[in-house]
């Protein structure tokens, strides 16, 4: 069959049959001989989700259309009102937070100033010159004051080093300067 060959009706029919068979063999998956032995993923058929739209009234001049417009306007106002409410709540929370923060800063400053005005200074151990901390768990780091003067010491900086704090509390302590 060349370009100038004219086909008879029977040849056209055979050619059409052959093309149909060829087209039916072409598929989106593997050939039939391989289908039994190969795993081939097939696309998942998903159902279309249909959403129902709100139906408009038939005539613009009807009472149902006016009612529809009124309801639509009310919904719009309700959404706007809700937005305003959330905005006011957000602003109010922010202002409360600022007030709380400023109060905290003021009280922090006042406690530091009042402590310095009242003469509260940080006490240091008279032996090692380290700052004494009053709320310590370890016995060695707890504080002991001289009964005759105003000097304070770590328990480990005195002759009571290694003793329990409860035992030292019951006894009198006199520092090296006063003895």
N, C-alpha and C. Protein backbone atom coordinates (compact mmCIF):
# COMPACT_ATOMS: atom_id res chain seq x y z
N UNK A 1 0.83 -1.17 0.00
CA UNK A 1 0.00 0.00 0.00
C UNK A 1 0.88 1.24 0.00
N UNK A 2 0.89 1.91 -1.01
CA UNK A 2 1.66 3.13 -1.15
C UNK A 2 0.75 4.33 -1.03
N UNK A 3 1.29 5.50 -1.23
CA UNK A 3 0.50 6.71 -1.09
C UNK A 3 -0.58 6.84 -2.18
N UNK A 4 -0.38 6.23 -3.30
CA UNK A 4 -1.35 6.38 -4.38
C UNK A 4 -2.30 5.19 -4.47
N UNK A 5 -2.25 4.26 -3.51
CA UNK A 5 -3.07 3.06 -3.54
C UNK A 5 -4.47 3.40 -3.07
N UNK A 6 -5.43 2.91 -3.76
CA UNK A 6 -6.83 3.11 -3.40
C UNK A 6 -7.31 1.83 -2.73
N UNK A 7 -7.95 1.98 -1.55
CA UNK A 7 -8.40 0.83 -0.80
C UNK A 7 -9.83 0.48 -1.19
N UNK A 8 -10.06 -0.81 -1.21
CA UNK A 8 -11.42 -1.26 -1.46
C UNK A 8 -12.18 -1.19 -0.15
N UNK A 9 -13.46 -1.35 -0.22
CA UNK A 9 -14.29 -1.26 0.99
C UNK A 9 -13.95 -2.38 1.96
N UNK A 10 -13.62 -3.55 1.44
CA UNK A 10 -13.25 -4.67 2.31
C UNK A 10 -11.92 -4.38 3.00
N UNK A 11 -10.96 -3.82 2.30
CA UNK A 11 -9.66 -3.47 2.89
C UNK A 11 -9.82 -2.36 3.92
N UNK A 12 -10.70 -1.41 3.62
CA UNK A 12 -10.97 -0.33 4.60
C UNK A 12 -11.57 -0.92 5.87
N UNK A 13 -12.47 -1.88 5.68
CA UNK A 13 -13.10 -2.53 6.82
C UNK A 13 -12.07 -3.28 7.66
N UNK A 14 -11.16 -4.02 7.02
CA UNK A 14 -10.10 -4.75 7.72
C UNK A 14 -9.16 -3.77 8.45
N UNK A 15 -8.84 -2.68 7.78
CA UNK A 15 -7.97 -1.67 8.39
C UNK A 15 -8.64 -1.05 9.63
N UNK A 16 -9.92 -0.77 9.53
CA UNK A 16 -10.66 -0.21 10.67
C UNK A 16 -10.70 -1.20 11.83
N UNK A 17 -10.92 -2.49 11.52
CA UNK A 17 -10.92 -3.53 12.56
C UNK A 17 -9.56 -3.62 13.24
N UNK A 18 -8.52 -3.56 12.43
CA UNK A 18 -7.16 -3.66 12.96
C UNK A 18 -6.85 -2.46 13.85
N UNK A 19 -7.26 -1.26 13.45
CA UNK A 19 -7.04 -0.05 14.27
C UNK A 19 -7.83 -0.12 15.58
N UNK A 20 -9.06 -0.64 15.54
CA UNK A 20 -9.86 -0.79 16.76
C UNK A 20 -9.18 -1.75 17.73
N UNK A 21 -8.69 -2.87 17.17
CA UNK A 21 -8.01 -3.86 18.01
C UNK A 21 -6.74 -3.26 18.62
N UNK A 22 -6.02 -2.51 17.82
CA UNK A 22 -4.80 -1.87 18.29
C UNK A 22 -5.12 -0.84 19.39
N UNK A 23 -6.17 -0.09 19.20
CA UNK A 23 -6.57 0.92 20.19
C UNK A 23 -7.06 0.26 21.47
N UNK A 24 -7.73 -0.87 21.38
CA UNK A 24 -8.22 -1.54 22.58
C UNK A 24 -7.07 -2.16 23.38
N UNK A 25 -5.98 -2.52 22.72
CA UNK A 25 -4.82 -3.08 23.41
C UNK A 25 -4.03 -2.01 24.15
N UNK A 26 -4.11 -0.78 23.69
CA UNK A 26 -3.39 0.31 24.34
C UNK A 26 -4.22 0.73 25.55
N UNK A 27 -3.63 0.64 26.73
CA UNK A 27 -4.34 1.04 27.95
C UNK A 27 -3.39 1.85 28.82
N UNK A 28 -3.92 2.31 29.90
CA UNK A 28 -3.12 3.13 30.81
C UNK A 28 -2.30 2.29 31.77
N UNK A 29 -2.45 1.00 31.72
CA UNK A 29 -1.73 0.12 32.62
C UNK A 29 -0.84 -0.82 31.84
N UNK A 30 -0.34 -1.86 32.50
CA UNK A 30 0.52 -2.82 31.82
C UNK A 30 -0.29 -3.69 30.85
N UNK A 31 0.40 -4.34 29.96
CA UNK A 31 -0.27 -5.22 29.00
C UNK A 31 -0.87 -6.40 29.73
N UNK A 32 -1.82 -7.05 29.08
CA UNK A 32 -2.56 -8.13 29.72
C UNK A 32 -1.66 -9.26 30.19
N UNK A 33 -0.60 -9.56 29.46
CA UNK A 33 0.28 -10.65 29.86
C UNK A 33 1.02 -10.32 31.16
N UNK A 34 1.23 -9.03 31.45
CA UNK A 34 1.94 -8.64 32.67
C UNK A 34 0.99 -8.35 33.84
N UNK A 35 -0.28 -8.16 33.58
CA UNK A 35 -1.22 -7.75 34.62
C UNK A 35 -1.31 -8.77 35.75
N UNK A 36 -1.14 -10.04 35.45
CA UNK A 36 -1.23 -11.06 36.49
C UNK A 36 -0.01 -11.06 37.40
N UNK A 37 1.11 -10.51 36.95
CA UNK A 37 2.36 -10.61 37.69
C UNK A 37 2.85 -9.28 38.26
N UNK A 38 2.33 -8.19 37.79
CA UNK A 38 2.78 -6.88 38.25
C UNK A 38 1.70 -6.19 39.07
N UNK A 39 2.15 -5.43 40.06
CA UNK A 39 1.22 -4.60 40.83
C UNK A 39 1.20 -3.23 40.18
N UNK A 40 0.04 -2.79 39.78
CA UNK A 40 -0.07 -1.52 39.08
C UNK A 40 -1.10 -0.67 39.81
N UNK A 41 -0.68 0.51 40.24
CA UNK A 41 -1.59 1.40 40.95
C UNK A 41 -2.61 1.99 39.99
N UNK A 42 -3.83 2.00 40.42
CA UNK A 42 -4.89 2.59 39.62
C UNK A 42 -5.35 3.86 40.32
N UNK A 43 -5.71 4.86 39.57
CA UNK A 43 -6.15 6.10 40.20
C UNK A 43 -7.44 5.88 40.99
N UNK A 44 -7.53 6.57 42.12
CA UNK A 44 -8.70 6.45 42.98
C UNK A 44 -9.81 7.31 42.40
N UNK A 45 -10.97 6.71 42.28
CA UNK A 45 -12.12 7.46 41.78
C UNK A 45 -12.75 8.16 42.98
N UNK A 46 -12.75 9.46 42.96
CA UNK A 46 -13.31 10.23 44.07
C UNK A 46 -14.66 10.80 43.67
N UNK A 47 -15.53 10.81 44.62
CA UNK A 47 -16.84 11.38 44.37
C UNK A 47 -16.74 12.89 44.46
N UNK A 48 -17.44 13.53 43.61
CA UNK A 48 -17.45 14.99 43.65
C UNK A 48 -18.38 15.45 44.76
N UNK A 49 -17.89 16.40 45.52
CA UNK A 49 -18.70 16.94 46.59
C UNK A 49 -19.50 18.09 46.02
N UNK A 50 -20.78 17.98 46.16
CA UNK A 50 -21.63 19.05 45.65
C UNK A 50 -22.14 19.87 46.82
N UNK A 51 -22.06 21.15 46.66
CA UNK A 51 -22.59 22.04 47.69
C UNK A 51 -23.84 22.70 47.15
N UNK A 52 -24.83 22.74 47.97
CA UNK A 52 -26.07 23.35 47.52
C UNK A 52 -25.98 24.86 47.73
N UNK A 53 -26.36 25.57 46.74
CA UNK A 53 -26.35 27.02 46.82
C UNK A 53 -27.69 27.50 47.35
N UNK A 54 -27.63 28.66 47.91
CA UNK A 54 -28.85 29.27 48.40
C UNK A 54 -29.67 29.71 47.20
N UNK A 55 -30.93 29.35 47.20
CA UNK A 55 -31.78 29.68 46.05
C UNK A 55 -32.32 31.10 46.21
N UNK A 56 -32.26 31.81 45.13
CA UNK A 56 -32.78 33.18 45.11
C UNK A 56 -34.29 33.15 44.88
N UNK A 57 -34.97 34.12 45.42
CA UNK A 57 -36.42 34.22 45.13
C UNK A 57 -36.65 34.51 43.65
N UNK A 58 -37.82 34.16 43.19
CA UNK A 58 -38.12 34.25 41.76
C UNK A 58 -38.17 35.70 41.27
N UNK A 59 -38.80 36.57 42.01
CA UNK A 59 -38.96 37.95 41.54
C UNK A 59 -38.33 38.92 42.53
N UNK A 60 -37.74 39.99 42.00
CA UNK A 60 -37.07 40.98 42.84
C UNK A 60 -38.09 41.74 43.68
N UNK A 61 -39.26 41.92 43.18
CA UNK A 61 -40.26 42.72 43.89
C UNK A 61 -41.05 41.91 44.90
N UNK A 62 -40.82 40.63 45.00
CA UNK A 62 -41.61 39.79 45.90
C UNK A 62 -41.19 39.98 47.36
N UNK A 63 -42.06 39.57 48.25
CA UNK A 63 -41.80 39.68 49.69
C UNK A 63 -40.68 38.73 50.10
N UNK A 64 -40.60 37.58 49.44
CA UNK A 64 -39.56 36.61 49.77
C UNK A 64 -38.17 37.17 49.43
N UNK A 65 -38.07 37.94 48.36
CA UNK A 65 -36.78 38.55 47.99
C UNK A 65 -36.37 39.60 49.02
N UNK A 66 -37.34 40.40 49.46
CA UNK A 66 -37.04 41.41 50.49
C UNK A 66 -36.60 40.74 51.79
N UNK A 67 -37.26 39.63 52.11
CA UNK A 67 -36.88 38.88 53.31
C UNK A 67 -35.47 38.31 53.16
N UNK A 68 -35.16 37.80 51.97
CA UNK A 68 -33.82 37.28 51.68
C UNK A 68 -32.76 38.37 51.86
N UNK A 69 -33.01 39.56 51.31
CA UNK A 69 -32.06 40.67 51.44
C UNK A 69 -31.88 41.08 52.90
N UNK A 70 -32.98 41.10 53.63
CA UNK A 70 -32.93 41.47 55.05
C UNK A 70 -32.09 40.47 55.85
N UNK A 71 -32.29 39.18 55.60
CA UNK A 71 -31.51 38.15 56.30
C UNK A 71 -30.03 38.24 55.94
N UNK A 72 -29.76 38.50 54.68
CA UNK A 72 -28.37 38.63 54.24
C UNK A 72 -27.70 39.81 54.94
N UNK A 73 -28.40 40.93 55.04
CA UNK A 73 -27.88 42.12 55.72
C UNK A 73 -27.66 41.83 57.21
N UNK A 74 -28.58 41.11 57.83
CA UNK A 74 -28.44 40.76 59.25
C UNK A 74 -27.22 39.87 59.49
N UNK A 75 -27.00 38.90 58.59
CA UNK A 75 -25.81 38.04 58.72
C UNK A 75 -24.54 38.86 58.59
N UNK A 76 -24.54 39.78 57.64
CA UNK A 76 -23.37 40.64 57.43
C UNK A 76 -23.09 41.48 58.67
N UNK A 77 -24.14 42.04 59.27
CA UNK A 77 -23.98 42.86 60.48
C UNK A 77 -23.49 42.00 61.65
N UNK A 78 -23.99 40.76 61.75
CA UNK A 78 -23.57 39.88 62.84
C UNK A 78 -22.09 39.54 62.72
N UNK A 79 -21.63 39.28 61.50
CA UNK A 79 -20.22 38.98 61.27
C UNK A 79 -19.37 40.19 61.63
N UNK A 80 -19.80 41.37 61.22
CA UNK A 80 -19.06 42.60 61.51
C UNK A 80 -19.02 42.86 63.02
N UNK A 81 -20.15 42.61 63.69
CA UNK A 81 -20.22 42.81 65.13
C UNK A 81 -19.26 41.86 65.86
N UNK A 82 -19.20 40.62 65.39
CA UNK A 82 -18.29 39.63 65.98
C UNK A 82 -16.84 40.05 65.79
N UNK A 83 -16.52 40.57 64.62
CA UNK A 83 -15.16 41.07 64.36
C UNK A 83 -14.81 42.18 65.33
N UNK A 84 -15.72 43.13 65.51
CA UNK A 84 -15.48 44.25 66.42
C UNK A 84 -15.29 43.76 67.86
N UNK A 85 -16.10 42.78 68.26
CA UNK A 85 -15.99 42.23 69.61
C UNK A 85 -14.61 41.59 69.82
N UNK A 86 -14.17 40.80 68.85
CA UNK A 86 -12.85 40.17 68.96
C UNK A 86 -11.75 41.21 69.00
N UNK A 87 -11.90 42.28 68.21
CA UNK A 87 -10.91 43.34 68.18
C UNK A 87 -10.83 44.04 69.54
N UNK A 88 -12.00 44.35 70.13
CA UNK A 88 -12.02 44.99 71.45
C UNK A 88 -11.40 44.08 72.51
N UNK A 89 -11.72 42.79 72.45
CA UNK A 89 -11.13 41.84 73.41
C UNK A 89 -9.61 41.81 73.28
N UNK A 90 -9.14 41.81 72.04
CA UNK A 90 -7.70 41.78 71.80
C UNK A 90 -7.03 43.04 72.35
N UNK A 91 -7.64 44.20 72.11
CA UNK A 91 -7.08 45.46 72.60
C UNK A 91 -7.11 45.49 74.12
N UNK A 92 -8.20 45.01 74.71
CA UNK A 92 -8.32 45.01 76.16
C UNK A 92 -7.26 44.10 76.80
N UNK A 93 -7.05 42.93 76.23
CA UNK A 93 -6.03 42.03 76.76
C UNK A 93 -4.65 42.66 76.69
N UNK A 94 -4.37 43.32 75.57
CA UNK A 94 -3.06 43.96 75.40
C UNK A 94 -2.87 45.06 76.43
N UNK A 95 -3.91 45.87 76.67
CA UNK A 95 -3.78 46.96 77.65
C UNK A 95 -3.63 46.40 79.06
N UNK A 96 -4.37 45.33 79.38
CA UNK A 96 -4.22 44.71 80.71
C UNK A 96 -2.81 44.17 80.90
N UNK A 97 -2.28 43.60 79.85
CA UNK A 97 -0.92 43.06 79.93
C UNK A 97 0.09 44.18 80.16
N UNK A 98 -0.11 45.32 79.47
CA UNK A 98 0.80 46.46 79.65
C UNK A 98 0.72 46.99 81.08
N UNK A 99 -0.50 47.11 81.61
CA UNK A 99 -0.68 47.61 82.97
C UNK A 99 -0.02 46.66 83.96
N UNK A 100 -0.23 45.37 83.76
CA UNK A 100 0.36 44.37 84.65
C UNK A 100 1.89 44.45 84.60
N UNK A 101 2.43 44.60 83.39
CA UNK A 101 3.88 44.69 83.22
C UNK A 101 4.42 45.94 83.91
N UNK A 102 3.71 47.07 83.74
CA UNK A 102 4.20 48.31 84.36
C UNK A 102 4.12 48.21 85.89
N UNK A 103 3.06 47.58 86.40
CA UNK A 103 2.95 47.39 87.86
C UNK A 103 4.11 46.54 88.36
N UNK A 104 4.42 45.49 87.61
CA UNK A 104 5.51 44.60 88.01
C UNK A 104 6.83 45.35 88.03
N UNK A 105 7.06 46.17 87.00
CA UNK A 105 8.30 46.95 86.95
C UNK A 105 8.36 47.94 88.11
N UNK A 106 7.21 48.57 88.42
CA UNK A 106 7.18 49.53 89.53
C UNK A 106 7.46 48.83 90.86
N UNK A 107 6.83 47.67 91.08
CA UNK A 107 7.03 46.98 92.35
C UNK A 107 8.46 46.45 92.46
N UNK A 108 9.01 45.98 91.34
CA UNK A 108 10.40 45.52 91.38
C UNK A 108 11.32 46.67 91.75
N UNK A 109 11.10 47.82 91.18
CA UNK A 109 11.92 48.99 91.48
C UNK A 109 11.73 49.45 92.91
N UNK A 110 10.47 49.42 93.41
CA UNK A 110 10.19 49.87 94.77
C UNK A 110 10.84 48.95 95.80
N UNK A 111 10.77 47.65 95.58
CA UNK A 111 11.35 46.74 96.57
C UNK A 111 12.85 46.92 96.64
N UNK A 112 13.47 47.14 95.51
CA UNK A 112 14.92 47.35 95.51
C UNK A 112 15.25 48.68 96.19
N UNK A 113 14.47 49.74 95.87
CA UNK A 113 14.71 51.05 96.48
C UNK A 113 14.41 51.03 97.97
N UNK A 114 13.29 50.38 98.36
CA UNK A 114 12.93 50.37 99.78
C UNK A 114 13.95 49.57 100.59
N UNK A 115 14.48 48.52 100.02
CA UNK A 115 15.49 47.73 100.73
C UNK A 115 16.75 48.55 100.92
N UNK A 116 17.13 49.32 99.91
CA UNK A 116 18.34 50.12 100.05
C UNK A 116 18.11 51.30 100.99
N UNK A 117 16.87 51.86 101.01
CA UNK A 117 16.57 52.97 101.92
C UNK A 117 16.55 52.52 103.37
N UNK A 118 16.07 51.32 103.61
CA UNK A 118 15.98 50.83 104.98
C UNK A 118 17.31 50.36 105.50
N UNK A 119 18.31 50.37 104.70
CA UNK A 119 19.63 49.99 105.17
C UNK A 119 19.94 48.52 105.01
N UNK A 120 19.09 47.80 104.27
CA UNK A 120 19.37 46.38 104.04
C UNK A 120 20.48 46.28 103.01
N UNK A 121 21.61 45.81 103.46
CA UNK A 121 22.71 45.60 102.54
C UNK A 121 22.97 44.12 102.47
N UNK A 122 23.62 43.73 101.47
CA UNK A 122 23.93 42.31 101.32
C UNK A 122 25.03 41.95 102.31
N UNK A 123 24.78 40.87 103.04
CA UNK A 123 25.70 40.46 104.09
C UNK A 123 26.70 39.48 103.51
N UNK A 124 27.97 39.66 103.88
CA UNK A 124 29.03 38.76 103.42
C UNK A 124 29.61 38.01 104.60
N UNK A 125 30.11 36.83 104.31
CA UNK A 125 30.76 36.02 105.33
C UNK A 125 32.01 36.77 105.80
N UNK A 126 32.19 36.91 107.11
CA UNK A 126 33.34 37.65 107.65
C UNK A 126 34.64 36.90 107.46
N UNK A 127 34.59 35.63 107.15
CA UNK A 127 35.80 34.85 106.95
C UNK A 127 36.21 34.79 105.47
N UNK A 128 35.30 34.37 104.58
CA UNK A 128 35.68 34.18 103.17
C UNK A 128 35.22 35.32 102.26
N UNK A 129 34.47 36.28 102.78
CA UNK A 129 33.99 37.45 102.04
C UNK A 129 33.02 37.11 100.90
N UNK A 130 32.43 35.92 100.90
CA UNK A 130 31.41 35.58 99.91
C UNK A 130 30.05 35.97 100.46
N UNK A 131 29.10 36.23 99.55
CA UNK A 131 27.77 36.65 99.95
C UNK A 131 27.05 35.49 100.64
N UNK A 132 26.35 35.82 101.73
CA UNK A 132 25.59 34.82 102.47
C UNK A 132 24.19 34.70 101.87
N UNK A 133 23.73 33.48 101.70
CA UNK A 133 22.39 33.23 101.17
C UNK A 133 21.60 32.57 102.27
N UNK A 134 20.40 33.10 102.54
CA UNK A 134 19.65 32.63 103.70
C UNK A 134 18.85 31.36 103.44
N UNK A 135 18.41 31.13 102.22
CA UNK A 135 17.57 29.96 101.96
C UNK A 135 18.33 28.90 101.16
N UNK A 136 19.22 28.20 101.86
CA UNK A 136 20.05 27.18 101.24
C UNK A 136 19.71 25.84 101.87
N UNK A 137 19.76 24.78 101.07
CA UNK A 137 19.44 23.44 101.56
C UNK A 137 20.62 22.78 102.27
N UNK A 138 21.82 22.97 101.76
CA UNK A 138 23.00 22.30 102.31
C UNK A 138 23.39 22.93 103.64
N UNK A 139 23.73 22.07 104.62
CA UNK A 139 24.12 22.56 105.94
C UNK A 139 25.41 23.36 105.89
N UNK A 140 26.35 22.98 105.07
CA UNK A 140 27.64 23.66 105.00
C UNK A 140 27.50 25.12 104.56
N UNK A 141 26.50 25.43 103.74
CA UNK A 141 26.33 26.79 103.22
C UNK A 141 25.37 27.64 104.06
N UNK A 142 24.78 27.07 105.11
CA UNK A 142 23.88 27.85 105.96
C UNK A 142 24.68 28.84 106.79
N UNK A 143 24.00 29.82 107.35
CA UNK A 143 24.66 30.93 108.03
C UNK A 143 24.56 30.83 109.54
N UNK A 144 25.60 31.32 110.19
CA UNK A 144 25.63 31.36 111.65
C UNK A 144 26.11 32.75 112.06
N UNK A 145 25.43 33.36 113.02
CA UNK A 145 25.81 34.70 113.48
C UNK A 145 26.45 34.64 114.85
N UNK A 146 27.39 35.55 115.06
CA UNK A 146 28.05 35.63 116.37
C UNK A 146 27.04 36.16 117.38
N UNK A 147 27.05 35.57 118.60
CA UNK A 147 26.12 35.99 119.64
C UNK A 147 26.55 37.28 120.32
N UNK A 148 27.80 37.72 120.14
CA UNK A 148 28.29 38.91 120.82
C UNK A 148 28.45 40.11 119.89
N UNK A 149 28.55 39.90 118.57
CA UNK A 149 28.67 41.01 117.63
C UNK A 149 27.73 40.77 116.44
N UNK A 150 27.86 41.58 115.42
CA UNK A 150 26.96 41.47 114.26
C UNK A 150 27.60 40.74 113.08
N UNK A 151 28.64 39.99 113.28
CA UNK A 151 29.31 39.28 112.19
C UNK A 151 28.58 37.97 111.89
N UNK A 152 28.56 37.64 110.57
CA UNK A 152 27.93 36.40 110.12
C UNK A 152 28.95 35.57 109.37
N UNK A 153 28.76 34.22 109.41
CA UNK A 153 29.70 33.29 108.81
C UNK A 153 28.93 32.15 108.13
N UNK A 154 29.57 31.54 107.15
CA UNK A 154 29.08 30.26 106.64
C UNK A 154 29.39 29.23 107.71
N UNK A 155 28.57 28.22 107.81
CA UNK A 155 28.81 27.16 108.79
C UNK A 155 30.14 26.47 108.51
N UNK A 156 30.52 26.35 107.24
CA UNK A 156 31.78 25.68 106.90
C UNK A 156 33.00 26.56 107.22
N UNK A 157 32.79 27.86 107.45
CA UNK A 157 33.90 28.76 107.76
C UNK A 157 34.14 28.88 109.27
N UNK A 158 33.43 28.10 110.07
CA UNK A 158 33.59 28.16 111.53
C UNK A 158 34.14 26.83 112.04
N UNK A 159 34.28 26.74 113.38
CA UNK A 159 34.76 25.49 113.96
C UNK A 159 33.68 24.40 113.92
N UNK A 160 32.46 24.78 113.54
CA UNK A 160 31.36 23.81 113.44
C UNK A 160 31.30 23.14 112.05
N UNK A 161 32.32 23.29 111.26
CA UNK A 161 32.33 22.71 109.91
C UNK A 161 32.11 21.21 109.99
N UNK A 162 31.16 20.69 109.24
CA UNK A 162 30.85 19.27 109.24
C UNK A 162 29.72 18.91 110.18
N UNK A 163 29.34 19.81 111.09
CA UNK A 163 28.26 19.54 112.03
C UNK A 163 26.91 19.86 111.38
N UNK A 164 25.85 19.27 111.92
CA UNK A 164 24.51 19.54 111.41
C UNK A 164 24.05 20.90 111.92
N UNK A 165 23.30 21.59 111.08
CA UNK A 165 22.85 22.94 111.39
C UNK A 165 21.93 22.94 112.63
N UNK A 166 21.12 21.90 112.81
CA UNK A 166 20.21 21.83 113.95
C UNK A 166 20.98 21.81 115.28
N UNK A 167 22.14 21.14 115.29
CA UNK A 167 22.96 21.07 116.52
C UNK A 167 23.62 22.42 116.79
N UNK A 168 24.04 23.10 115.74
CA UNK A 168 24.73 24.39 115.89
C UNK A 168 23.75 25.45 116.38
N UNK A 169 22.50 25.38 115.96
CA UNK A 169 21.50 26.36 116.37
C UNK A 169 21.30 26.36 117.89
N UNK A 170 21.39 25.20 118.50
CA UNK A 170 21.16 25.07 119.94
C UNK A 170 22.33 25.59 120.76
N UNK A 171 23.53 25.66 120.18
CA UNK A 171 24.72 26.08 120.92
C UNK A 171 24.99 27.55 120.70
N UNK A 172 25.77 28.13 121.59
CA UNK A 172 26.20 29.53 121.44
C UNK A 172 27.40 29.57 120.54
N UNK A 173 27.46 30.63 119.68
CA UNK A 173 28.60 30.80 118.80
C UNK A 173 29.22 32.16 119.05
N UNK A 174 30.54 32.14 119.31
CA UNK A 174 31.31 33.38 119.49
C UNK A 174 32.42 33.33 118.46
N UNK A 175 32.53 34.40 117.65
CA UNK A 175 33.53 34.42 116.58
C UNK A 175 34.93 34.63 117.15
N UNK A 176 35.95 34.51 116.29
CA UNK A 176 37.35 34.66 116.70
C UNK A 176 37.66 36.08 117.16
N UNK A 177 36.97 37.07 116.60
CA UNK A 177 37.23 38.47 116.99
C UNK A 177 36.73 38.76 118.40
N UNK A 178 35.63 38.12 118.79
CA UNK A 178 35.04 38.39 120.10
C UNK A 178 35.61 37.49 121.20
N UNK A 179 36.24 36.39 120.89
CA UNK A 179 36.73 35.47 121.92
C UNK A 179 38.08 35.86 122.44
